[in-house]
Amino acid sequence: MGQAGTAEAAVRYLRSAPRPHPRRATGLRCVREDERAPVDRTEFRRVLGQFASGVTVVTAPPADPDSAPAGFACQSFTSLSLDPPLIAFMVGRASTTWPRIARAGVFCVNVLAADQGPLCRAFAASGTDKFLGVAHTPAPCSGAPLLAGVLAWIDCTVHAVHTGGDHLIVVGRVDALGTGNGSAAPLLFHRGRFLP
């Protein structure tokens, strides 16, 4: 089936899979759609905003010759496993960029430097050519855009996709990685804004 086909199949399955019956579920149970959420959304965002995070841009090569590369700003990124080398990022189910990354089956995580706030904002916008005027080269394994001036990059193949409420948890197998502008400070996000 290939990497891209596997990723696409996982997305189709996760969108159509029935939810298990609550009486048959074991372990922790998710809040059903007909139940009131346990916490207020605004309060949830306020409290979780206390956790400072790094910022990345996840990119993918064109899935076919007639399409453009894909990319989006992502602060929900983490290392996952050393053996095998795995990373993970979270993306909203409503994302219009994720299906393009899934079709490609590969991606590159670009870890942004402190002076790349404007680049992050460009990749957070919808309906624009996010790569317009952005210097990049192909990542060595995936061919995904490796953005100029980043602190580090991680070139990956989609390994697995899991549900996580209104997000998907994408696990990537690391094929290559490296550092770029290693002497710069990282771009950090805290309480709804970039730290100076």
N, C-alpha and C. Protein backbone atom coordinates (compact mmCIF):
# COMPACT_ATOMS: atom_id res chain seq x y z
N MET A 1 0.83 -1.20 0.00
CA MET A 1 0.00 0.00 0.00
C MET A 1 0.86 1.25 0.00
N GLY A 2 2.03 1.21 0.61
CA GLY A 2 2.91 2.37 0.66
C GLY A 2 2.61 3.26 1.84
N GLN A 3 3.56 4.18 2.13
CA GLN A 3 3.44 5.03 3.31
C GLN A 3 2.25 5.98 3.21
N ALA A 4 2.08 6.61 2.04
CA ALA A 4 0.99 7.56 1.89
C ALA A 4 -0.35 6.85 1.99
N GLY A 5 -0.48 5.68 1.38
CA GLY A 5 -1.72 4.91 1.44
C GLY A 5 -2.05 4.49 2.85
N THR A 6 -1.04 4.09 3.60
CA THR A 6 -1.25 3.68 4.99
C THR A 6 -1.77 4.85 5.82
N ALA A 7 -1.17 6.02 5.67
CA ALA A 7 -1.61 7.20 6.41
C ALA A 7 -3.04 7.59 6.05
N GLU A 8 -3.36 7.56 4.74
CA GLU A 8 -4.71 7.90 4.30
C GLU A 8 -5.73 6.91 4.85
N ALA A 9 -5.39 5.62 4.82
CA ALA A 9 -6.29 4.60 5.34
C ALA A 9 -6.54 4.80 6.83
N ALA A 10 -5.50 5.18 7.57
CA ALA A 10 -5.65 5.42 9.01
C ALA A 10 -6.60 6.58 9.26
N VAL A 11 -6.48 7.64 8.48
CA VAL A 11 -7.37 8.79 8.64
C VAL A 11 -8.81 8.41 8.33
N ARG A 12 -9.03 7.67 7.23
CA ARG A 12 -10.39 7.23 6.88
C ARG A 12 -10.97 6.36 7.99
N TYR A 13 -10.18 5.43 8.51
CA TYR A 13 -10.65 4.54 9.56
C TYR A 13 -11.02 5.33 10.82
N LEU A 14 -10.15 6.25 11.22
CA LEU A 14 -10.41 7.01 12.45
C LEU A 14 -11.65 7.86 12.33
N ARG A 15 -11.94 8.36 11.13
CA ARG A 15 -13.13 9.19 10.95
C ARG A 15 -14.40 8.35 10.97
N SER A 16 -14.32 7.08 10.54
CA SER A 16 -15.53 6.26 10.41
C SER A 16 -15.70 5.24 11.53
N ALA A 17 -14.68 5.02 12.34
CA ALA A 17 -14.74 3.96 13.36
C ALA A 17 -15.83 4.27 14.39
N PRO A 18 -16.66 3.26 14.70
CA PRO A 18 -17.69 3.49 15.73
C PRO A 18 -17.05 3.60 17.10
N ARG A 19 -17.71 4.33 17.98
CA ARG A 19 -17.21 4.46 19.35
C ARG A 19 -17.61 3.21 20.13
N PRO A 20 -16.74 2.72 21.01
CA PRO A 20 -17.10 1.54 21.80
C PRO A 20 -18.24 1.86 22.75
N HIS A 21 -19.03 0.82 23.05
CA HIS A 21 -20.13 0.97 24.00
C HIS A 21 -19.53 1.29 25.37
N PRO A 22 -20.07 2.29 26.11
CA PRO A 22 -19.47 2.70 27.38
C PRO A 22 -19.37 1.57 28.41
N ARG A 23 -20.31 0.61 28.37
CA ARG A 23 -20.26 -0.48 29.35
C ARG A 23 -19.15 -1.48 29.03
N ARG A 24 -18.71 -1.50 27.78
CA ARG A 24 -17.65 -2.43 27.40
C ARG A 24 -16.27 -1.80 27.49
N ALA A 25 -16.23 -0.50 27.65
CA ALA A 25 -14.94 0.19 27.69
C ALA A 25 -14.19 -0.16 28.97
N THR A 26 -12.89 -0.25 28.87
CA THR A 26 -12.08 -0.49 30.05
C THR A 26 -11.15 0.69 30.26
N GLY A 27 -10.71 0.87 31.47
CA GLY A 27 -9.80 1.98 31.76
C GLY A 27 -10.53 3.31 31.76
N LEU A 28 -9.85 4.37 31.36
CA LEU A 28 -10.43 5.71 31.35
C LEU A 28 -11.48 5.82 30.27
N ARG A 29 -12.52 6.60 30.53
CA ARG A 29 -13.60 6.79 29.58
C ARG A 29 -13.62 8.23 29.11
N CYS A 30 -13.80 8.42 27.80
CA CYS A 30 -13.91 9.77 27.25
C CYS A 30 -15.30 10.32 27.51
N VAL A 31 -15.41 11.63 27.55
CA VAL A 31 -16.71 12.28 27.70
C VAL A 31 -17.48 12.11 26.40
N ARG A 32 -18.70 11.58 26.49
CA ARG A 32 -19.54 11.40 25.30
C ARG A 32 -20.06 12.76 24.84
N GLU A 33 -20.52 12.81 23.58
CA GLU A 33 -21.02 14.05 23.02
C GLU A 33 -22.24 14.57 23.77
N ASP A 34 -23.04 13.66 24.37
CA ASP A 34 -24.25 14.09 25.08
C ASP A 34 -23.99 14.44 26.54
N GLU A 35 -22.74 14.38 26.96
CA GLU A 35 -22.38 14.73 28.33
C GLU A 35 -21.78 16.13 28.37
N ARG A 36 -21.95 16.80 29.50
CA ARG A 36 -21.35 18.12 29.68
C ARG A 36 -19.86 17.94 29.90
N ALA A 37 -19.07 18.77 29.26
CA ALA A 37 -17.62 18.71 29.44
C ALA A 37 -17.28 19.00 30.90
N PRO A 38 -16.27 18.31 31.45
CA PRO A 38 -15.96 18.48 32.88
C PRO A 38 -15.36 19.83 33.23
N VAL A 39 -14.80 20.55 32.28
CA VAL A 39 -14.23 21.87 32.57
C VAL A 39 -14.61 22.85 31.46
N ASP A 40 -14.64 24.11 31.82
CA ASP A 40 -14.93 25.17 30.87
C ASP A 40 -13.79 25.30 29.87
N ARG A 41 -14.11 25.45 28.58
CA ARG A 41 -13.07 25.52 27.54
C ARG A 41 -12.13 26.71 27.74
N THR A 42 -12.69 27.86 28.12
CA THR A 42 -11.86 29.04 28.33
C THR A 42 -10.89 28.81 29.48
N GLU A 43 -11.39 28.20 30.55
CA GLU A 43 -10.53 27.92 31.70
C GLU A 43 -9.45 26.89 31.33
N PHE A 44 -9.84 25.90 30.55
CA PHE A 44 -8.89 24.89 30.09
C PHE A 44 -7.73 25.55 29.33
N ARG A 45 -8.08 26.43 28.39
CA ARG A 45 -7.03 27.13 27.61
C ARG A 45 -6.17 28.02 28.51
N ARG A 46 -6.81 28.73 29.45
CA ARG A 46 -6.06 29.63 30.33
C ARG A 46 -5.05 28.86 31.17
N VAL A 47 -5.50 27.78 31.78
CA VAL A 47 -4.61 27.00 32.65
C VAL A 47 -3.51 26.32 31.83
N LEU A 48 -3.85 25.69 30.73
CA LEU A 48 -2.83 25.01 29.92
C LEU A 48 -1.88 25.99 29.26
N GLY A 49 -2.33 27.25 29.11
CA GLY A 49 -1.46 28.28 28.54
C GLY A 49 -0.29 28.63 29.44
N GLN A 50 -0.34 28.18 30.70
CA GLN A 50 0.78 28.41 31.62
C GLN A 50 2.00 27.56 31.24
N PHE A 51 1.77 26.53 30.44
CA PHE A 51 2.87 25.66 30.04
C PHE A 51 3.52 26.24 28.79
N ALA A 52 4.76 26.66 28.92
CA ALA A 52 5.48 27.22 27.77
C ALA A 52 5.90 26.08 26.85
N SER A 53 5.76 26.30 25.56
CA SER A 53 6.15 25.26 24.60
C SER A 53 6.97 25.86 23.48
N GLY A 54 7.76 25.01 22.87
CA GLY A 54 8.46 25.39 21.66
C GLY A 54 7.47 25.44 20.51
N VAL A 55 7.91 25.97 19.39
CA VAL A 55 7.04 26.10 18.22
C VAL A 55 7.72 25.46 17.03
N THR A 56 6.93 24.71 16.25
CA THR A 56 7.45 24.06 15.06
C THR A 56 6.57 24.40 13.86
N VAL A 57 7.10 24.13 12.69
CA VAL A 57 6.29 24.13 11.47
C VAL A 57 6.46 22.74 10.87
N VAL A 58 5.33 22.05 10.69
CA VAL A 58 5.35 20.72 10.09
C VAL A 58 5.07 20.90 8.59
N THR A 59 5.95 20.36 7.75
CA THR A 59 5.82 20.51 6.30
C THR A 59 5.77 19.14 5.64
N ALA A 60 5.22 19.11 4.44
CA ALA A 60 5.19 17.88 3.65
C ALA A 60 5.40 18.25 2.19
N PRO A 61 5.99 17.33 1.41
CA PRO A 61 6.17 17.60 -0.02
C PRO A 61 4.82 17.50 -0.74
N PRO A 62 4.75 17.97 -1.98
CA PRO A 62 3.51 17.78 -2.74
C PRO A 62 3.16 16.30 -2.82
N ALA A 63 1.89 15.98 -2.63
CA ALA A 63 1.46 14.58 -2.69
C ALA A 63 1.41 14.06 -4.12
N ASP A 64 1.28 14.96 -5.08
CA ASP A 64 1.28 14.59 -6.50
C ASP A 64 1.84 15.76 -7.30
N PRO A 65 2.18 15.54 -8.57
CA PRO A 65 2.84 16.60 -9.36
C PRO A 65 2.03 17.89 -9.52
N ASP A 66 0.70 17.81 -9.38
CA ASP A 66 -0.14 18.99 -9.58
C ASP A 66 -0.44 19.75 -8.30
N SER A 67 0.13 19.32 -7.16
CA SER A 67 -0.17 20.00 -5.90
C SER A 67 1.06 20.75 -5.38
N ALA A 68 0.84 21.53 -4.33
CA ALA A 68 1.91 22.32 -3.72
C ALA A 68 2.31 21.68 -2.40
N PRO A 69 3.47 22.06 -1.85
CA PRO A 69 3.83 21.54 -0.53
C PRO A 69 2.82 22.01 0.52
N ALA A 70 2.77 21.29 1.62
CA ALA A 70 1.85 21.60 2.71
C ALA A 70 2.64 21.97 3.95
N GLY A 71 2.03 22.77 4.84
CA GLY A 71 2.69 23.11 6.08
C GLY A 71 1.76 23.83 7.04
N PHE A 72 2.00 23.64 8.34
CA PHE A 72 1.23 24.37 9.33
C PHE A 72 2.07 24.56 10.59
N ALA A 73 1.76 25.62 11.35
CA ALA A 73 2.43 25.89 12.62
C ALA A 73 1.89 24.94 13.67
N CYS A 74 2.79 24.38 14.48
CA CYS A 74 2.39 23.36 15.45
C CYS A 74 3.19 23.52 16.73
N GLN A 75 2.51 23.71 17.85
CA GLN A 75 3.21 23.76 19.13
C GLN A 75 3.00 22.48 19.92
N SER A 76 2.10 21.61 19.44
CA SER A 76 1.86 20.33 20.10
C SER A 76 2.76 19.27 19.48
N PHE A 77 4.02 19.30 19.86
CA PHE A 77 5.04 18.40 19.32
C PHE A 77 5.86 17.83 20.47
N THR A 78 6.26 16.57 20.36
CA THR A 78 7.06 15.96 21.41
C THR A 78 7.89 14.80 20.87
N SER A 79 8.99 14.52 21.55
CA SER A 79 9.71 13.28 21.28
C SER A 79 8.90 12.17 21.94
N LEU A 80 8.97 10.96 21.40
CA LEU A 80 8.14 9.88 21.90
C LEU A 80 8.93 8.64 22.29
N SER A 81 9.86 8.22 21.44
CA SER A 81 10.58 6.96 21.69
C SER A 81 11.99 7.05 21.13
N LEU A 82 12.93 6.46 21.86
CA LEU A 82 14.30 6.41 21.40
C LEU A 82 14.55 5.16 20.55
N ASP A 83 13.91 4.05 20.92
CA ASP A 83 14.11 2.80 20.19
C ASP A 83 12.77 2.12 19.95
N PRO A 84 12.16 2.28 18.77
CA PRO A 84 12.69 2.98 17.61
C PRO A 84 12.54 4.49 17.78
N PRO A 85 13.26 5.28 17.00
CA PRO A 85 13.15 6.74 17.12
C PRO A 85 11.81 7.23 16.58
N LEU A 86 10.96 7.73 17.49
CA LEU A 86 9.63 8.21 17.13
C LEU A 86 9.39 9.58 17.73
N ILE A 87 8.64 10.40 17.02
CA ILE A 87 8.17 11.69 17.53
C ILE A 87 6.66 11.73 17.34
N ALA A 88 6.01 12.73 17.90
CA ALA A 88 4.57 12.86 17.72
C ALA A 88 4.19 14.33 17.64
N PHE A 89 3.15 14.61 16.87
CA PHE A 89 2.55 15.94 16.89
C PHE A 89 1.04 15.76 16.85
N MET A 90 0.33 16.78 17.33
CA MET A 90 -1.11 16.75 17.35
C MET A 90 -1.65 17.78 16.38
N VAL A 91 -2.69 17.40 15.65
CA VAL A 91 -3.30 18.29 14.67
C VAL A 91 -4.81 18.18 14.79
N GLY A 92 -5.49 19.31 14.65
CA GLY A 92 -6.95 19.33 14.74
C GLY A 92 -7.58 18.50 13.64
N ARG A 93 -8.65 17.80 13.98
CA ARG A 93 -9.35 16.98 12.98
C ARG A 93 -9.90 17.82 11.83
N ALA A 94 -10.20 19.09 12.10
CA ALA A 94 -10.75 19.97 11.07
C ALA A 94 -9.67 20.60 10.19
N SER A 95 -8.41 20.30 10.44
CA SER A 95 -7.32 20.88 9.66
C SER A 95 -7.46 20.54 8.19
N THR A 96 -7.27 21.55 7.34
CA THR A 96 -7.28 21.31 5.90
C THR A 96 -5.89 20.92 5.40
N THR A 97 -4.87 21.13 6.22
CA THR A 97 -3.51 20.78 5.83
C THR A 97 -3.20 19.32 6.12
N TRP A 98 -3.73 18.78 7.22
CA TRP A 98 -3.41 17.40 7.58
C TRP A 98 -3.71 16.39 6.47
N PRO A 99 -4.87 16.43 5.78
CA PRO A 99 -5.10 15.45 4.73
C PRO A 99 -4.01 15.46 3.64
N ARG A 100 -3.45 16.62 3.37
CA ARG A 100 -2.38 16.71 2.37
C ARG A 100 -1.10 16.04 2.89
N ILE A 101 -0.82 16.21 4.20
CA ILE A 101 0.34 15.54 4.79
C ILE A 101 0.11 14.03 4.80
N ALA A 102 -1.11 13.62 5.14
CA ALA A 102 -1.44 12.19 5.17
C ALA A 102 -1.26 11.57 3.78
N ARG A 103 -1.69 12.28 2.74
CA ARG A 103 -1.53 11.75 1.38
C ARG A 103 -0.06 11.60 1.02
N ALA A 104 0.77 12.54 1.48
CA ALA A 104 2.21 12.45 1.19
C ALA A 104 2.84 11.30 1.97
N GLY A 105 2.36 11.03 3.19
CA GLY A 105 2.88 9.94 4.00
C GLY A 105 4.20 10.23 4.68
N VAL A 106 4.74 11.41 4.45
CA VAL A 106 6.02 11.83 5.03
C VAL A 106 5.91 13.30 5.43
N PHE A 107 6.81 13.74 6.33
CA PHE A 107 6.78 15.14 6.75
C PHE A 107 8.11 15.50 7.39
N CYS A 108 8.32 16.81 7.56
CA CYS A 108 9.51 17.32 8.25
C CYS A 108 9.05 18.30 9.32
N VAL A 109 9.55 18.11 10.53
CA VAL A 109 9.27 19.03 11.64
C VAL A 109 10.41 20.03 11.68
N ASN A 110 10.08 21.32 11.56
CA ASN A 110 11.05 22.41 11.60
C ASN A 110 10.93 23.11 12.95
N VAL A 111 11.96 23.05 13.79
CA VAL A 111 11.94 23.68 15.11
C VAL A 111 12.37 25.13 14.95
N LEU A 112 11.48 26.07 15.27
CA LEU A 112 11.72 27.49 14.98
C LEU A 112 12.62 28.17 16.01
N ALA A 113 13.40 29.12 15.50
CA ALA A 113 14.27 29.96 16.32
C ALA A 113 13.49 31.19 16.80
N ALA A 114 14.03 31.86 17.82
CA ALA A 114 13.33 32.98 18.46
C ALA A 114 12.96 34.10 17.50
N ASP A 115 13.74 34.29 16.44
CA ASP A 115 13.45 35.38 15.50
C ASP A 115 12.48 34.97 14.39
N GLN A 116 11.89 33.77 14.49
CA GLN A 116 11.02 33.29 13.42
C GLN A 116 9.53 33.37 13.75
N GLY A 117 9.16 34.29 14.65
CA GLY A 117 7.75 34.52 14.95
C GLY A 117 6.92 34.85 13.72
N PRO A 118 7.40 35.77 12.84
CA PRO A 118 6.63 36.06 11.63
C PRO A 118 6.42 34.83 10.74
N LEU A 119 7.42 33.95 10.68
CA LEU A 119 7.29 32.72 9.89
C LEU A 119 6.20 31.84 10.50
N CYS A 120 6.18 31.73 11.82
CA CYS A 120 5.15 30.95 12.51
C CYS A 120 3.76 31.51 12.19
N ARG A 121 3.61 32.83 12.26
CA ARG A 121 2.31 33.44 11.98
C ARG A 121 1.87 33.16 10.55
N ALA A 122 2.81 33.18 9.60
CA ALA A 122 2.48 32.91 8.19
C ALA A 122 1.95 31.48 8.03
N PHE A 123 2.56 30.53 8.74
CA PHE A 123 2.13 29.14 8.62
C PHE A 123 0.90 28.84 9.47
N ALA A 124 0.51 29.76 10.36
CA ALA A 124 -0.71 29.59 11.15
C ALA A 124 -1.93 30.11 10.40
N ALA A 125 -1.71 30.90 9.35
CA ALA A 125 -2.82 31.48 8.59
C ALA A 125 -3.42 30.45 7.64
N SER A 126 -4.71 30.61 7.36
CA SER A 126 -5.41 29.72 6.42
C SER A 126 -5.64 30.44 5.10
N GLY A 127 -5.70 29.66 4.04
CA GLY A 127 -6.07 30.19 2.73
C GLY A 127 -5.03 31.05 2.06
N THR A 128 -3.77 30.92 2.46
CA THR A 128 -2.71 31.70 1.83
C THR A 128 -1.63 30.77 1.31
N ASP A 129 -0.78 31.29 0.43
CA ASP A 129 0.39 30.52 -0.02
C ASP A 129 1.45 30.68 1.07
N LYS A 130 1.53 29.70 1.94
CA LYS A 130 2.41 29.80 3.11
C LYS A 130 3.88 29.78 2.75
N PHE A 131 4.22 29.27 1.57
CA PHE A 131 5.62 29.15 1.18
C PHE A 131 6.12 30.33 0.34
N LEU A 132 5.24 31.30 0.07
CA LEU A 132 5.60 32.46 -0.74
C LEU A 132 6.73 33.24 -0.06
N GLY A 133 7.88 33.33 -0.70
CA GLY A 133 9.02 34.07 -0.17
C GLY A 133 9.76 33.37 0.95
N VAL A 134 9.42 32.11 1.25
CA VAL A 134 10.06 31.38 2.34
C VAL A 134 11.18 30.50 1.77
N ALA A 135 12.41 30.74 2.21
CA ALA A 135 13.55 29.95 1.74
C ALA A 135 13.52 28.56 2.35
N HIS A 136 13.67 27.55 1.51
CA HIS A 136 13.69 26.17 2.00
C HIS A 136 14.40 25.28 1.00
N THR A 137 14.84 24.13 1.51
CA THR A 137 15.47 23.10 0.68
C THR A 137 14.74 21.79 0.98
N PRO A 138 14.89 20.78 0.11
CA PRO A 138 14.22 19.50 0.40
C PRO A 138 14.91 18.76 1.54
N ALA A 139 14.13 18.26 2.48
CA ALA A 139 14.68 17.41 3.53
C ALA A 139 15.24 16.14 2.87
N PRO A 140 16.30 15.55 3.43
CA PRO A 140 17.03 14.49 2.74
C PRO A 140 16.25 13.22 2.42
N CYS A 141 15.32 12.82 3.27
CA CYS A 141 14.58 11.57 3.01
C CYS A 141 13.20 11.81 2.42
N SER A 142 12.44 12.73 3.01
CA SER A 142 11.06 12.95 2.59
C SER A 142 10.92 13.91 1.42
N GLY A 143 11.89 14.81 1.26
CA GLY A 143 11.75 15.87 0.27
C GLY A 143 10.85 16.99 0.74
N ALA A 144 10.35 16.92 1.97
CA ALA A 144 9.51 17.97 2.53
C ALA A 144 10.33 19.24 2.71
N PRO A 145 9.69 20.41 2.66
CA PRO A 145 10.44 21.65 2.83
C PRO A 145 11.13 21.74 4.19
N LEU A 146 12.44 21.90 4.15
CA LEU A 146 13.26 22.15 5.33
C LEU A 146 13.52 23.65 5.32
N LEU A 147 12.94 24.37 6.27
CA LEU A 147 12.94 25.83 6.26
C LEU A 147 14.30 26.39 6.68
N ALA A 148 14.73 27.45 6.02
CA ALA A 148 16.01 28.08 6.33
C ALA A 148 15.98 28.73 7.70
N GLY A 149 17.08 28.63 8.44
CA GLY A 149 17.23 29.32 9.71
C GLY A 149 16.64 28.62 10.92
N VAL A 150 16.12 27.39 10.75
CA VAL A 150 15.53 26.71 11.90
C VAL A 150 16.61 26.17 12.83
N LEU A 151 16.22 25.95 14.10
CA LEU A 151 17.16 25.41 15.09
C LEU A 151 17.48 23.95 14.81
N ALA A 152 16.45 23.20 14.43
CA ALA A 152 16.62 21.77 14.19
C ALA A 152 15.53 21.31 13.23
N TRP A 153 15.74 20.13 12.66
CA TRP A 153 14.74 19.54 11.77
C TRP A 153 14.73 18.03 11.99
N ILE A 154 13.52 17.46 11.82
CA ILE A 154 13.33 16.03 11.99
C ILE A 154 12.52 15.54 10.79
N ASP A 155 13.13 14.69 9.97
CA ASP A 155 12.53 14.19 8.73
C ASP A 155 11.89 12.83 9.03
N CYS A 156 10.61 12.68 8.72
CA CYS A 156 9.86 11.52 9.22
C CYS A 156 8.95 10.88 8.16
N THR A 157 8.58 9.64 8.47
CA THR A 157 7.53 8.92 7.76
C THR A 157 6.37 8.73 8.74
N VAL A 158 5.13 8.89 8.26
CA VAL A 158 3.98 8.66 9.13
C VAL A 158 4.00 7.20 9.58
N HIS A 159 4.02 6.99 10.89
CA HIS A 159 4.13 5.66 11.48
C HIS A 159 2.76 5.16 11.98
N ALA A 160 1.99 6.06 12.60
CA ALA A 160 0.67 5.72 13.13
C ALA A 160 -0.12 6.99 13.35
N VAL A 161 -1.44 6.86 13.37
CA VAL A 161 -2.34 7.98 13.65
C VAL A 161 -3.37 7.49 14.66
N HIS A 162 -3.54 8.24 15.76
CA HIS A 162 -4.48 7.87 16.82
C HIS A 162 -5.45 9.01 17.06
N THR A 163 -6.62 8.70 17.59
CA THR A 163 -7.58 9.74 17.94
C THR A 163 -7.22 10.35 19.28
N GLY A 164 -7.54 11.61 19.45
CA GLY A 164 -7.33 12.32 20.70
C GLY A 164 -8.36 13.42 20.83
N GLY A 165 -9.62 13.05 21.04
CA GLY A 165 -10.68 14.06 21.13
C GLY A 165 -10.88 14.76 19.80
N ASP A 166 -10.78 16.09 19.81
CA ASP A 166 -10.96 16.83 18.56
C ASP A 166 -9.66 16.95 17.77
N HIS A 167 -8.63 16.22 18.18
CA HIS A 167 -7.34 16.21 17.48
C HIS A 167 -6.95 14.79 17.08
N LEU A 168 -5.99 14.71 16.19
CA LEU A 168 -5.35 13.44 15.85
C LEU A 168 -3.94 13.47 16.40
N ILE A 169 -3.46 12.34 16.87
CA ILE A 169 -2.09 12.20 17.36
C ILE A 169 -1.32 11.47 16.27
N VAL A 170 -0.41 12.18 15.63
CA VAL A 170 0.35 11.62 14.52
C VAL A 170 1.72 11.22 15.03
N VAL A 171 2.06 9.95 14.87
CA VAL A 171 3.36 9.43 15.28
C VAL A 171 4.22 9.31 14.03
N GLY A 172 5.41 9.86 14.10
CA GLY A 172 6.34 9.80 12.97
C GLY A 172 7.57 8.99 13.29
N ARG A 173 7.98 8.13 12.36
CA ARG A 173 9.24 7.40 12.49
C ARG A 173 10.34 8.30 11.93
N VAL A 174 11.37 8.55 12.73
CA VAL A 174 12.43 9.47 12.34
C VAL A 174 13.38 8.78 11.36
N ASP A 175 13.51 9.38 10.18
CA ASP A 175 14.40 8.85 9.14
C ASP A 175 15.72 9.60 9.08
N ALA A 176 15.71 10.88 9.44
CA ALA A 176 16.91 11.72 9.45
C ALA A 176 16.61 12.92 10.32
N LEU A 177 17.65 13.55 10.86
CA LEU A 177 17.47 14.75 11.67
C LEU A 177 18.78 15.50 11.75
N GLY A 178 18.68 16.75 12.15
CA GLY A 178 19.89 17.55 12.28
C GLY A 178 19.59 18.90 12.88
N THR A 179 20.65 19.65 13.12
CA THR A 179 20.51 21.00 13.65
C THR A 179 20.87 22.00 12.56
N GLY A 180 20.35 23.19 12.73
CA GLY A 180 20.63 24.25 11.77
C GLY A 180 21.28 25.40 12.48
N ASN A 181 20.48 26.40 12.83
CA ASN A 181 20.95 27.59 13.50
C ASN A 181 21.08 27.29 15.00
N GLY A 182 22.01 26.40 15.35
CA GLY A 182 22.12 25.87 16.69
C GLY A 182 22.49 26.86 17.77
N SER A 183 23.03 28.03 17.41
CA SER A 183 23.43 29.00 18.44
C SER A 183 22.30 29.93 18.84
N ALA A 184 21.19 29.91 18.10
CA ALA A 184 20.06 30.80 18.39
C ALA A 184 19.20 30.24 19.51
N ALA A 185 18.39 31.10 20.12
CA ALA A 185 17.43 30.68 21.14
C ALA A 185 16.17 30.15 20.44
N PRO A 186 15.39 29.31 21.14
CA PRO A 186 14.17 28.78 20.53
C PRO A 186 13.02 29.78 20.59
N LEU A 187 12.07 29.64 19.68
CA LEU A 187 10.83 30.41 19.74
C LEU A 187 9.92 29.71 20.74
N LEU A 188 9.48 30.44 21.77
CA LEU A 188 8.64 29.88 22.82
C LEU A 188 7.28 30.57 22.83
N PHE A 189 6.25 29.79 23.13
CA PHE A 189 4.87 30.29 23.19
C PHE A 189 4.37 30.11 24.62
N HIS A 190 3.82 31.19 25.22
CA HIS A 190 3.38 31.14 26.61
C HIS A 190 2.25 32.14 26.81
N ARG A 191 1.16 31.68 27.44
CA ARG A 191 0.00 32.53 27.71
C ARG A 191 -0.51 33.26 26.46
N GLY A 192 -0.55 32.54 25.36
CA GLY A 192 -1.13 33.09 24.15
C GLY A 192 -0.25 34.02 23.35
N ARG A 193 1.05 34.07 23.68
CA ARG A 193 1.94 34.96 22.91
C ARG A 193 3.35 34.38 22.91
N PHE A 194 4.17 34.90 21.98
CA PHE A 194 5.57 34.50 21.94
C PHE A 194 6.34 35.18 23.05
N LEU A 195 7.25 34.46 23.67
CA LEU A 195 8.11 35.07 24.66
C LEU A 195 9.22 35.84 23.96
N PRO A 196 9.62 36.98 24.55
CA PRO A 196 10.70 37.77 23.92
C PRO A 196 12.03 37.07 23.99
